[in-house]
Amino acid sequence: MQKRSPSVSLPFRGTGWSNNKRIAIVALVVTVLLAIAATVAWLGGNGNSRQSPEVATAPPADSPSSSEAAPKPAAGPGAVPTPPQIAEPVAYAKAAAQMLWSYDTRHTSRDQQLAGMHAWMTAETKYTDWDSVSGQVPDPVLWSRMADQDQHAIASVAEGHYPSAFKQALADDPSAITEAYIYVVTVNGKQQITWTKGGGGAEARAVTLAVQCRPNHDCSLAAIAPSVTQ
């Protein structure tokens, strides 16, 4: 019988925004989101897989992975793609989701993963929620376990769209977006995970992202956003 190896899907879990971050970002996007911003959700579903990978228990919300500052890249090639030069919110969100769902512990250290992800974030600290993104990366011990098994994942994106609540709010008050230019986009796709000795599995994935796209500027990632009406 083949020994089953530990497997972790990345992003690993959802994390809550602090009240200040939540209000600062969501209130400037659309008023309707304030009613549901208390619940931060990781929108995911289980897909069919040829083998059910074991998923380790998520670290506590106050673990270093959810609150640490972005590290400098360590030596080595790394595997996180550089942010694309895209000025359209849905297209950027789709690229960001694919980045978040992909990793390669064979060639990328945990610090490299975090540094690569941080490069996608908006430089406007007033609107960025790095904790919600960095909190998706497993803690150092678990990342090491994944590396021991040469675990890696690739992702494909099926579609991205503005949730209905966001579209309705923009229709009701088009000027609401002009303070921060943060757009809410839900992306759906699939993640394929592989590890040593032929282990692997696939899962359907979905995530709602807050993407900042100021006029005449490339987009950037602001946060993993609260769940909103599809």
Protein backbone atom coordinates (compact mmCIF):
# COMPACT_ATOMS: atom_id res chain seq x y z
CA MET A 1 0.00 0.00 0.00
CA GLN A 2 1.33 3.40 -0.93
CA LYS A 3 2.11 5.62 1.99
CA ARG A 4 -0.02 8.73 1.97
CA SER A 5 1.81 11.98 2.41
CA PRO A 6 0.69 15.17 4.08
CA SER A 7 -0.84 17.63 1.69
CA VAL A 8 -1.82 21.23 2.15
CA SER A 9 -3.85 23.32 -0.24
CA LEU A 10 -2.55 26.84 -0.71
CA PRO A 11 -4.16 29.21 0.11
CA PHE A 12 -4.38 27.34 3.38
CA ARG A 13 -7.22 29.07 5.19
CA GLY A 14 -9.20 32.28 5.50
CA THR A 15 -8.22 34.98 7.98
CA GLY A 16 -10.22 37.86 9.41
CA TRP A 17 -9.52 41.47 8.77
CA SER A 18 -9.01 43.77 11.73
CA ASN A 19 -11.96 46.08 12.28
CA ASN A 20 -9.99 49.12 11.16
CA LYS A 21 -8.78 47.45 7.98
CA ARG A 22 -12.22 46.07 7.23
CA ILE A 23 -13.94 49.41 7.63
CA ALA A 24 -11.24 51.36 5.79
CA ILE A 25 -11.37 49.10 2.75
CA VAL A 26 -14.97 47.97 2.58
CA ALA A 27 -16.58 51.30 3.42
CA LEU A 28 -14.73 52.89 0.55
CA VAL A 29 -15.77 50.19 -1.89
CA VAL A 30 -19.52 50.01 -1.32
CA THR A 31 -21.81 50.66 1.63
CA VAL A 32 -23.70 47.43 1.12
CA LEU A 33 -20.64 45.34 1.98
CA LEU A 34 -20.49 46.72 5.50
CA ALA A 35 -23.44 44.57 6.49
CA ILE A 36 -21.59 41.39 5.63
CA ALA A 37 -17.99 42.37 6.31
CA ALA A 38 -18.05 40.71 9.73
CA THR A 39 -17.77 37.32 8.06
CA VAL A 40 -14.59 36.66 6.14
CA ALA A 41 -14.92 33.50 4.10
CA TRP A 42 -12.71 31.25 2.11
CA LEU A 43 -15.05 30.25 -0.71
CA GLY A 44 -14.03 26.75 -1.68
CA GLY A 45 -15.53 23.43 -2.54
CA ASN A 46 -14.20 19.93 -2.84
CA GLY A 47 -13.79 18.62 -6.35
CA ASN A 48 -13.22 15.13 -7.62
CA SER A 49 -9.72 13.79 -7.06
CA ARG A 50 -8.01 10.58 -7.90
CA GLN A 51 -6.62 10.44 -4.39
CA SER A 52 -7.82 12.28 -1.30
CA PRO A 53 -4.83 14.14 0.13
CA GLU A 54 -4.47 14.58 3.85
CA VAL A 55 -4.84 18.19 4.92
CA ALA A 56 -3.06 19.34 8.05
CA THR A 57 -4.80 21.39 10.70
CA ALA A 58 -4.59 25.13 10.10
CA PRO A 59 -2.36 27.15 12.44
CA PRO A 60 -4.06 29.47 14.95
CA ALA A 61 -5.18 32.87 13.73
CA ASP A 62 -2.44 34.53 15.77
CA SER A 63 0.35 32.36 14.36
CA PRO A 64 3.34 34.05 12.73
CA SER A 65 2.04 33.21 9.25
CA SER A 66 -0.95 35.53 9.64
CA SER A 67 0.75 38.59 11.08
CA GLU A 68 4.37 38.69 9.99
CA ALA A 69 5.83 41.40 7.81
CA ALA A 70 6.77 40.54 4.26
CA PRO A 71 10.26 39.02 4.25
CA LYS A 72 12.99 39.75 1.77
CA PRO A 73 13.46 37.04 -0.85
CA ALA A 74 16.01 34.37 0.03
CA ALA A 75 18.60 33.13 -2.43
CA GLY A 76 17.26 30.86 -5.14
CA PRO A 77 14.96 31.04 -8.15
CA GLY A 78 11.61 30.91 -6.38
CA ALA A 79 8.37 30.05 -8.14
CA VAL A 80 5.98 32.96 -7.53
CA PRO A 81 5.25 34.81 -10.79
CA THR A 82 5.79 38.54 -10.95
CA PRO A 83 2.66 40.70 -11.00
CA PRO A 84 1.34 41.26 -14.52
CA GLN A 85 0.85 44.73 -15.94
CA ILE A 86 -2.93 44.63 -16.11
CA ALA A 87 -5.26 47.58 -15.65
CA GLU A 88 -8.57 45.67 -15.71
CA PRO A 89 -9.84 44.42 -12.31
CA VAL A 90 -11.32 41.04 -13.30
CA ALA A 91 -8.29 40.08 -15.40
CA TYR A 92 -5.93 41.03 -12.58
CA ALA A 93 -7.99 39.17 -9.98
CA LYS A 94 -7.91 36.03 -12.13
CA ALA A 95 -4.12 36.25 -12.38
CA ALA A 96 -3.84 36.88 -8.63
CA ALA A 97 -6.05 33.91 -7.79
CA GLN A 98 -3.95 31.64 -9.98
CA MET A 99 -0.85 32.92 -8.18
CA LEU A 100 -2.40 32.28 -4.76
CA TRP A 101 -3.40 28.74 -5.68
CA SER A 102 0.05 27.82 -7.07
CA TYR A 103 3.24 26.96 -5.21
CA ASP A 104 6.31 24.72 -5.46
CA THR A 105 8.10 23.74 -2.29
CA ARG A 106 10.79 21.98 -4.37
CA HIS A 107 12.23 25.28 -5.54
CA THR A 108 10.70 27.92 -3.27
CA SER A 109 11.32 28.61 0.39
CA ARG A 110 8.53 29.89 2.58
CA ASP A 111 10.18 33.32 2.71
CA GLN A 112 10.39 33.38 -1.08
CA GLN A 113 6.71 32.49 -1.30
CA LEU A 114 5.74 35.33 1.02
CA ALA A 115 8.03 37.83 -0.69
CA GLY A 116 6.67 36.87 -4.09
CA MET A 117 3.09 37.23 -2.91
CA HIS A 118 3.82 40.59 -1.30
CA ALA A 119 4.98 41.96 -4.65
CA TRP A 120 1.36 41.71 -5.84
CA MET A 121 0.06 43.95 -3.04
CA THR A 122 -0.88 47.60 -3.36
CA ALA A 123 1.74 50.00 -2.04
CA GLU A 124 -1.02 52.13 -0.48
CA THR A 125 -0.81 50.91 3.10
CA LYS A 126 -4.11 52.56 3.98
CA TYR A 127 -5.92 50.03 1.80
CA THR A 128 -3.75 46.92 1.96
CA ASP A 129 -4.52 43.94 4.20
CA TRP A 130 -1.36 41.86 4.01
CA ASP A 131 -2.47 39.64 6.91
CA SER A 132 -5.40 38.29 4.90
CA VAL A 133 -3.00 37.20 2.14
CA SER A 134 0.08 36.09 4.11
CA GLY A 135 -2.18 34.11 6.43
CA GLN A 136 -2.82 31.68 3.58
CA VAL A 137 0.76 30.38 3.74
CA PRO A 138 1.37 27.43 6.09
CA ASP A 139 3.60 27.98 9.12
CA PRO A 140 7.34 27.20 8.81
CA VAL A 141 7.07 23.69 10.26
CA LEU A 142 4.25 22.69 7.94
CA TRP A 143 5.97 24.26 4.92
CA SER A 144 9.04 22.15 5.78
CA ARG A 145 6.90 19.02 5.90
CA MET A 146 5.48 19.89 2.50
CA ALA A 147 8.99 20.45 1.13
CA ASP A 148 10.07 17.05 2.44
CA GLN A 149 7.40 15.57 0.17
CA ASP A 150 8.26 17.81 -2.83
CA GLN A 151 4.72 19.11 -2.71
CA HIS A 152 3.68 21.54 -5.44
CA ALA A 153 0.48 22.81 -6.98
CA ILE A 154 -0.66 24.34 -10.23
CA ALA A 155 -3.93 26.15 -10.80
CA SER A 156 -6.30 26.96 -13.61
CA VAL A 157 -8.91 29.71 -13.59
CA ALA A 158 -12.35 29.10 -15.04
CA GLU A 159 -13.87 32.56 -14.65
CA GLY A 160 -13.98 35.79 -12.66
CA HIS A 161 -16.86 38.17 -12.06
CA TYR A 162 -18.09 41.07 -9.97
CA PRO A 163 -20.47 39.80 -7.26
CA SER A 164 -24.03 40.98 -7.69
CA ALA A 165 -23.98 43.07 -4.50
CA PHE A 166 -20.94 44.95 -5.74
CA LYS A 167 -22.46 45.56 -9.19
CA GLN A 168 -25.71 46.78 -7.66
CA ALA A 169 -23.90 49.14 -5.30
CA LEU A 170 -21.89 50.60 -8.16
CA ALA A 171 -25.08 51.10 -10.15
CA ASP A 172 -26.68 52.85 -7.19
CA ASP A 173 -23.68 55.10 -6.51
CA PRO A 174 -21.00 55.08 -9.24
CA SER A 175 -18.93 57.67 -7.38
CA ALA A 176 -18.43 55.32 -4.41
CA ILE A 177 -15.48 53.68 -6.14
CA THR A 178 -13.50 56.86 -6.74
CA GLU A 179 -11.90 57.19 -3.30
CA ALA A 180 -9.84 53.99 -3.28
CA TYR A 181 -10.71 52.42 -6.66
CA ILE A 182 -11.00 49.02 -5.01
CA TYR A 183 -13.05 46.44 -6.89
CA VAL A 184 -14.47 43.21 -5.48
CA VAL A 185 -14.01 40.20 -7.77
CA THR A 186 -14.90 36.54 -7.21
CA VAL A 187 -12.75 34.01 -9.06
CA ASN A 188 -13.47 30.32 -9.60
CA GLY A 189 -10.98 27.70 -10.72
CA LYS A 190 -9.22 24.45 -9.92
CA GLN A 191 -6.05 23.49 -8.03
CA GLN A 192 -4.02 20.37 -8.79
CA ILE A 193 -1.68 19.23 -5.99
CA THR A 194 1.17 16.74 -6.48
CA TRP A 195 3.70 15.18 -4.12
CA THR A 196 6.23 12.35 -4.13
CA LYS A 197 5.57 8.80 -5.32
CA GLY A 198 2.66 9.75 -7.51
CA GLY A 199 0.52 11.31 -4.81
CA GLY A 200 -1.87 14.01 -5.82
CA GLY A 201 -5.38 15.35 -5.98
CA ALA A 202 -7.54 18.13 -7.35
CA GLU A 203 -9.93 20.60 -5.77
CA ALA A 204 -12.33 23.23 -7.03
CA ARG A 205 -11.35 26.66 -5.75
CA ALA A 206 -13.07 30.01 -5.33
CA VAL A 207 -11.93 33.23 -3.71
CA THR A 208 -13.18 36.79 -3.45
CA LEU A 209 -10.45 39.40 -3.84
CA ALA A 210 -10.26 43.14 -3.31
CA VAL A 211 -8.28 44.58 -6.22
CA GLN A 212 -7.13 48.19 -6.51
CA CYS A 213 -7.10 49.59 -10.05
CA ARG A 214 -6.59 53.34 -10.14
CA PRO A 215 -7.06 55.08 -13.51
CA ASN A 216 -3.95 54.99 -15.70
CA HIS A 217 -2.21 52.56 -13.31
CA ASP A 218 -1.73 48.81 -13.25
CA CYS A 219 -3.89 46.93 -10.77
CA SER A 220 -2.64 45.50 -7.49
CA LEU A 221 -4.00 43.22 -4.80
CA ALA A 222 -5.50 44.82 -1.69
CA ALA A 223 -6.85 41.85 0.24
CA ILE A 224 -8.73 38.61 0.31
CA ALA A 225 -12.17 40.12 0.64
CA PRO A 226 -15.26 39.26 2.66
CA SER A 227 -17.73 36.87 1.14
CA VAL A 228 -20.38 38.64 -0.89
CA THR A 229 -23.44 37.65 -2.86
CA GLN A 230 -22.39 35.82 -6.00
